[in-house]
Amino acid sequence: MATTIGIICGSLREQSYNRIIAQSLIQMNKSVQFRWIEIKELPFFNEDLEVNGDPDAVLLFKSAVEEVDGIIIVSPEYNSGIPGVLKNALDWSSRPPKTSPMNKKPIGLIGATPGGFGTAFAQMQLRQVLETMQAQVFPFQKLFISQVHQKINLQEQVLSDEKTKKYLQSYVEEFLDWIQ
């Protein structure tokens, strides 16, 4: 049975650099089944919404998280931190704490930004949040893609930088080895 990896993009922007990077991951390894796990339909986290059971969008999201062998989060950094929509998704997936679908789930982190520092601050925050949730964050591996706007072809919606493709390929292979 093929390994299934969920892809969560931390940006909702239509021409998101991070979505283009995530799409390139899917095309790099044909032995793995990749599955998008969308976050754009999730309501803002509110415990009052849980009283009568999770909203349908949350149930679908949690089910998608449960069904994959691991997840790679590909996210930008906003104001030196985690995008709000991504944090919201993580808050929903942390519930209930003892049986959270993220509990013990292997998670890889990749981030791209036009800036010069990559997504180092957001990834530090993501690690902190995910480890608190008892997710298993890919240790010692960081993939920060800076100056991303110079590494993609926006018109064709593809990653065009060969060096970055090699880094991504290596990251995916190491992530797969780690979860298996």
C-alpha atoms as a PDB file:
ATOM      1  CA  MET A   1       0.000   0.000   0.000  1.00  0.00           C
ATOM      2  CA  ALA A   2       1.371   3.402  -0.991  1.00  0.00           C
ATOM      3  CA  THR A   3       2.209   5.990   1.608  1.00  0.00           C
ATOM      4  CA  THR A   4      -0.257   8.867   1.681  1.00  0.00           C
ATOM      5  CA  ILE A   5       0.999  12.346   2.536  1.00  0.00           C
ATOM      6  CA  GLY A   6      -1.365  15.215   3.238  1.00  0.00           C
ATOM      7  CA  ILE A   7      -0.430  18.675   2.034  1.00  0.00           C
ATOM      8  CA  ILE A   8      -1.652  21.707   3.956  1.00  0.00           C
ATOM      9  CA  CYS A   9      -0.974  25.111   2.457  1.00  0.00           C
ATOM     10  CA  GLY A  10      -0.917  27.951   4.980  1.00  0.00           C
ATOM     11  CA  SER A  11      -1.947  30.548   2.393  1.00  0.00           C
ATOM     12  CA  LEU A  12      -5.375  31.126   0.891  1.00  0.00           C
ATOM     13  CA  ARG A  13      -4.103  33.438  -1.863  1.00  0.00           C
ATOM     14  CA  GLU A  14      -5.057  32.283  -5.345  1.00  0.00           C
ATOM     15  CA  GLN A  15      -1.536  32.598  -6.754  1.00  0.00           C
ATOM     16  CA  SER A  16       0.175  31.629  -3.528  1.00  0.00           C
ATOM     17  CA  TYR A  17       3.884  30.943  -3.861  1.00  0.00           C
ATOM     18  CA  ASN A  18       3.514  28.273  -1.205  1.00  0.00           C
ATOM     19  CA  ARG A  19       0.731  26.513  -3.097  1.00  0.00           C
ATOM     20  CA  ILE A  20       2.979  26.427  -6.173  1.00  0.00           C
ATOM     21  CA  ILE A  21       5.778  24.930  -4.053  1.00  0.00           C
ATOM     22  CA  ALA A  22       3.362  22.382  -2.571  1.00  0.00           C
ATOM     23  CA  GLN A  23       2.106  21.445  -6.037  1.00  0.00           C
ATOM     24  CA  SER A  24       5.682  20.835  -7.141  1.00  0.00           C
ATOM     25  CA  LEU A  25       6.107  18.358  -4.249  1.00  0.00           C
ATOM     26  CA  ILE A  26       3.205  16.330  -5.592  1.00  0.00           C
ATOM     27  CA  GLN A  27       4.857  16.065  -8.995  1.00  0.00           C
ATOM     28  CA  MET A  28       8.262  14.990  -7.625  1.00  0.00           C
ATOM     29  CA  ASN A  29       7.519  11.541  -6.290  1.00  0.00           C
ATOM     30  CA  LYS A  30       5.096   9.243  -8.078  1.00  0.00           C
ATOM     31  CA  SER A  31       5.494   6.411  -5.534  1.00  0.00           C
ATOM     32  CA  VAL A  32       3.672   8.482  -2.924  1.00  0.00           C
ATOM     33  CA  GLN A  33       0.040   9.436  -2.920  1.00  0.00           C
ATOM     34  CA  PHE A  34      -0.349  13.124  -2.049  1.00  0.00           C
ATOM     35  CA  ARG A  35      -3.665  14.531  -0.898  1.00  0.00           C
ATOM     36  CA  TRP A  36      -4.582  18.186  -0.419  1.00  0.00           C
ATOM     37  CA  ILE A  37      -6.044  18.998   2.992  1.00  0.00           C
ATOM     38  CA  GLU A  38      -7.811  22.314   2.561  1.00  0.00           C
ATOM     39  CA  ILE A  39      -8.287  24.817   5.374  1.00  0.00           C
ATOM     40  CA  LYS A  40     -10.181  27.663   3.706  1.00  0.00           C
ATOM     41  CA  GLU A  41     -13.679  26.479   4.698  1.00  0.00           C
ATOM     42  CA  LEU A  42     -12.937  26.118   8.407  1.00  0.00           C
ATOM     43  CA  PRO A  43     -14.854  28.478  10.687  1.00  0.00           C
ATOM     44  CA  PHE A  44     -12.944  30.424  13.313  1.00  0.00           C
ATOM     45  CA  PHE A  45     -12.223  28.133  16.230  1.00  0.00           C
ATOM     46  CA  ASN A  46     -14.782  28.583  18.991  1.00  0.00           C
ATOM     47  CA  GLU A  47     -15.497  26.013  21.688  1.00  0.00           C
ATOM     48  CA  ASP A  48     -19.179  26.979  21.534  1.00  0.00           C
ATOM     49  CA  LEU A  49     -19.310  25.428  18.060  1.00  0.00           C
ATOM     50  CA  GLU A  50     -18.180  22.070  19.503  1.00  0.00           C
ATOM     51  CA  VAL A  51     -21.107  21.780  21.920  1.00  0.00           C
ATOM     52  CA  ASN A  52     -23.371  20.082  19.373  1.00  0.00           C
ATOM     53  CA  GLY A  53     -20.533  18.387  17.524  1.00  0.00           C
ATOM     54  CA  ASP A  54     -17.991  19.777  15.112  1.00  0.00           C
ATOM     55  CA  PRO A  55     -19.232  21.727  12.082  1.00  0.00           C
ATOM     56  CA  ASP A  56     -19.190  19.744   8.822  1.00  0.00           C
ATOM     57  CA  ALA A  57     -16.090  21.529   7.472  1.00  0.00           C
ATOM     58  CA  VAL A  58     -14.213  20.631  10.661  1.00  0.00           C
ATOM     59  CA  LEU A  59     -15.325  16.982  10.473  1.00  0.00           C
ATOM     60  CA  LEU A  60     -14.068  16.777   6.882  1.00  0.00           C
ATOM     61  CA  PHE A  61     -10.778  18.424   7.822  1.00  0.00           C
ATOM     62  CA  LYS A  62     -10.167  16.127  10.807  1.00  0.00           C
ATOM     63  CA  SER A  63     -11.079  13.079   8.746  1.00  0.00           C
ATOM     64  CA  ALA A  64      -8.597  14.098   6.043  1.00  0.00           C
ATOM     65  CA  VAL A  65      -5.868  14.496   8.691  1.00  0.00           C
ATOM     66  CA  GLU A  66      -6.644  11.065  10.154  1.00  0.00           C
ATOM     67  CA  GLU A  67      -6.538   9.327   6.769  1.00  0.00           C
ATOM     68  CA  VAL A  68      -2.963  10.264   5.845  1.00  0.00           C
ATOM     69  CA  ASP A  69       0.299   8.725   7.022  1.00  0.00           C
ATOM     70  CA  GLY A  70       1.981  12.103   7.437  1.00  0.00           C
ATOM     71  CA  ILE A  71       1.523  15.762   6.597  1.00  0.00           C
ATOM     72  CA  ILE A  72       3.726  18.375   4.999  1.00  0.00           C
ATOM     73  CA  ILE A  73       2.743  21.939   5.840  1.00  0.00           C
ATOM     74  CA  VAL A  74       3.877  24.473   3.253  1.00  0.00           C
ATOM     75  CA  SER A  75       3.340  27.946   4.601  1.00  0.00           C
ATOM     76  CA  PRO A  76       4.335  31.574   4.266  1.00  0.00           C
ATOM     77  CA  GLU A  77       5.295  33.759   7.186  1.00  0.00           C
ATOM     78  CA  TYR A  78       3.142  36.751   8.054  1.00  0.00           C
ATOM     79  CA  ASN A  79       4.631  39.427  10.295  1.00  0.00           C
ATOM     80  CA  SER A  80       7.284  36.999  11.566  1.00  0.00           C
ATOM     81  CA  GLY A  81       4.679  34.384  12.493  1.00  0.00           C
ATOM     82  CA  ILE A  82       2.144  31.727  11.559  1.00  0.00           C
ATOM     83  CA  PRO A  83      -0.666  32.777   9.201  1.00  0.00           C
ATOM     84  CA  GLY A  84      -3.951  33.054  11.118  1.00  0.00           C
ATOM     85  CA  VAL A  85      -5.782  30.589   8.868  1.00  0.00           C
ATOM     86  CA  LEU A  86      -3.144  27.939   9.535  1.00  0.00           C
ATOM     87  CA  LYS A  87      -3.191  28.503  13.292  1.00  0.00           C
ATOM     88  CA  ASN A  88      -6.988  28.238  13.162  1.00  0.00           C
ATOM     89  CA  ALA A  89      -6.760  24.876  11.380  1.00  0.00           C
ATOM     90  CA  LEU A  90      -4.249  23.600  13.918  1.00  0.00           C
ATOM     91  CA  ASP A  91      -6.499  24.712  16.774  1.00  0.00           C
ATOM     92  CA  TRP A  92      -9.407  22.733  15.298  1.00  0.00           C
ATOM     93  CA  SER A  93      -7.216  19.676  14.716  1.00  0.00           C
ATOM     94  CA  SER A  94      -5.983  19.746  18.308  1.00  0.00           C
ATOM     95  CA  ARG A  95      -9.430  18.892  19.637  1.00  0.00           C
ATOM     96  CA  PRO A  96     -10.149  16.890  21.667  1.00  0.00           C
ATOM     97  CA  PRO A  97      -6.617  16.893  23.088  1.00  0.00           C
ATOM     98  CA  LYS A  98      -6.315  13.190  23.967  1.00  0.00           C
ATOM     99  CA  THR A  99      -7.717  11.897  20.681  1.00  0.00           C
ATOM    100  CA  SER A 100      -6.674  14.704  18.350  1.00  0.00           C
ATOM    101  CA  PRO A 101      -6.088  13.596  14.750  1.00  0.00           C
ATOM    102  CA  MET A 102      -2.684  15.326  14.997  1.00  0.00           C
ATOM    103  CA  ASN A 103      -1.651  13.244  17.996  1.00  0.00           C
ATOM    104  CA  LYS A 104       1.549  11.383  16.958  1.00  0.00           C
ATOM    105  CA  LYS A 105       1.070  12.453  13.317  1.00  0.00           C
ATOM    106  CA  PRO A 106       4.405  12.932  11.472  1.00  0.00           C
ATOM    107  CA  ILE A 107       4.634  16.509  10.227  1.00  0.00           C
ATOM    108  CA  GLY A 108       7.141  18.151   7.880  1.00  0.00           C
ATOM    109  CA  LEU A 109       7.508  21.907   7.500  1.00  0.00           C
ATOM    110  CA  ILE A 110       8.390  23.895   4.394  1.00  0.00           C
ATOM    111  CA  GLY A 111       7.982  27.603   3.848  1.00  0.00           C
ATOM    112  CA  ALA A 112       8.533  30.098   1.064  1.00  0.00           C
ATOM    113  CA  THR A 113       8.640  33.869   1.098  1.00  0.00           C
ATOM    114  CA  PRO A 114       9.874  36.693  -1.114  1.00  0.00           C
ATOM    115  CA  GLY A 115      11.921  37.954   1.844  1.00  0.00           C
ATOM    116  CA  GLY A 116      15.510  37.117   2.635  1.00  0.00           C
ATOM    117  CA  PHE A 117      15.068  35.100   5.849  1.00  0.00           C
ATOM    118  CA  GLY A 118      12.746  32.412   4.552  1.00  0.00           C
ATOM    119  CA  THR A 119      10.096  31.400   7.046  1.00  0.00           C
ATOM    120  CA  ALA A 120      12.323  30.734  10.056  1.00  0.00           C
ATOM    121  CA  PHE A 121      10.147  32.536  12.607  1.00  0.00           C
ATOM    122  CA  ALA A 122       6.906  30.935  11.436  1.00  0.00           C
ATOM    123  CA  GLN A 123       8.502  27.491  11.459  1.00  0.00           C
ATOM    124  CA  MET A 124       9.754  27.995  15.016  1.00  0.00           C
ATOM    125  CA  GLN A 125       6.210  28.897  16.070  1.00  0.00           C
ATOM    126  CA  LEU A 126       4.755  25.967  14.137  1.00  0.00           C
ATOM    127  CA  ARG A 127       7.147  23.551  15.854  1.00  0.00           C
ATOM    128  CA  GLN A 128       6.129  24.900  19.243  1.00  0.00           C
ATOM    129  CA  VAL A 129       2.399  24.589  18.495  1.00  0.00           C
ATOM    130  CA  LEU A 130       2.698  21.133  16.890  1.00  0.00           C
ATOM    131  CA  GLU A 131       4.851  19.723  19.667  1.00  0.00           C
ATOM    132  CA  THR A 132       2.329  20.994  22.227  1.00  0.00           C
ATOM    133  CA  MET A 133      -0.323  19.109  20.235  1.00  0.00           C
ATOM    134  CA  GLN A 134       1.806  15.924  20.506  1.00  0.00           C
ATOM    135  CA  ALA A 135       2.436  15.834  16.750  1.00  0.00           C
ATOM    136  CA  GLN A 136       5.772  14.378  15.667  1.00  0.00           C
ATOM    137  CA  VAL A 137       7.629  17.171  13.894  1.00  0.00           C
ATOM    138  CA  PHE A 138      10.351  16.093  11.454  1.00  0.00           C
ATOM    139  CA  PRO A 139      13.477  16.634  13.594  1.00  0.00           C
ATOM    140  CA  PHE A 140      16.531  18.606  12.498  1.00  0.00           C
ATOM    141  CA  GLN A 141      15.076  19.346   9.055  1.00  0.00           C
ATOM    142  CA  LYS A 142      14.306  22.875   7.970  1.00  0.00           C
ATOM    143  CA  LEU A 143      13.455  24.025   4.483  1.00  0.00           C
ATOM    144  CA  PHE A 144      13.220  27.784   4.122  1.00  0.00           C
ATOM    145  CA  ILE A 145      12.797  29.091   0.590  1.00  0.00           C
ATOM    146  CA  SER A 146      13.720  32.771   0.439  1.00  0.00           C
ATOM    147  CA  GLN A 147      13.373  34.996  -2.625  1.00  0.00           C
ATOM    148  CA  VAL A 148      10.697  32.576  -3.871  1.00  0.00           C
ATOM    149  CA  HIS A 149       9.348  35.066  -6.399  1.00  0.00           C
ATOM    150  CA  GLN A 150      12.620  34.595  -8.319  1.00  0.00           C
ATOM    151  CA  LYS A 151      12.343  30.779  -8.213  1.00  0.00           C
ATOM    152  CA  ILE A 152       8.927  30.214  -9.711  1.00  0.00           C
ATOM    153  CA  ASN A 153       7.234  30.918 -13.012  1.00  0.00           C
ATOM    154  CA  LEU A 154       4.063  32.646 -11.847  1.00  0.00           C
ATOM    155  CA  GLN A 155       2.385  32.518 -15.264  1.00  0.00           C
ATOM    156  CA  GLU A 156       2.812  28.751 -15.542  1.00  0.00           C
ATOM    157  CA  GLN A 157       2.364  28.227 -11.773  1.00  0.00           C
ATOM    158  CA  VAL A 158       5.508  26.070 -11.527  1.00  0.00           C
ATOM    159  CA  LEU A 159       8.754  25.995  -9.608  1.00  0.00           C
ATOM    160  CA  SER A 160      11.469  26.824 -12.109  1.00  0.00           C
ATOM    161  CA  ASP A 161      14.619  26.895  -9.947  1.00  0.00           C
ATOM    162  CA  GLU A 162      16.523  23.607 -10.297  1.00  0.00           C
ATOM    163  CA  LYS A 163      18.482  24.005  -7.060  1.00  0.00           C
ATOM    164  CA  THR A 164      15.264  24.478  -5.081  1.00  0.00           C
ATOM    165  CA  LYS A 165      13.725  21.444  -6.815  1.00  0.00           C
ATOM    166  CA  LYS A 166      16.681  19.349  -5.623  1.00  0.00           C
ATOM    167  CA  TYR A 167      16.265  20.600  -2.049  1.00  0.00           C
ATOM    168  CA  LEU A 168      12.556  19.770  -2.142  1.00  0.00           C
ATOM    169  CA  GLN A 169      13.189  16.325  -3.632  1.00  0.00           C
ATOM    170  CA  SER A 170      15.727  15.550  -0.928  1.00  0.00           C
ATOM    171  CA  TYR A 171      13.399  16.823   1.800  1.00  0.00           C
ATOM    172  CA  VAL A 172      10.499  14.647   0.610  1.00  0.00           C
ATOM    173  CA  GLU A 173      12.714  11.551   0.375  1.00  0.00           C
ATOM    174  CA  GLU A 174      14.124  12.114   3.872  1.00  0.00           C
ATOM    175  CA  PHE A 175      10.620  12.770   5.264  1.00  0.00           C
ATOM    176  CA  LEU A 176       9.354   9.511   3.730  1.00  0.00           C
ATOM    177  CA  ASP A 177      12.304   7.571   5.132  1.00  0.00           C
ATOM    178  CA  TRP A 178      11.641   9.081   8.554  1.00  0.00           C
ATOM    179  CA  ILE A 179       7.944   8.176   8.681  1.00  0.00           C
ATOM    180  CA  GLN A 180       8.524   4.656   7.426  1.00  0.00           C
END
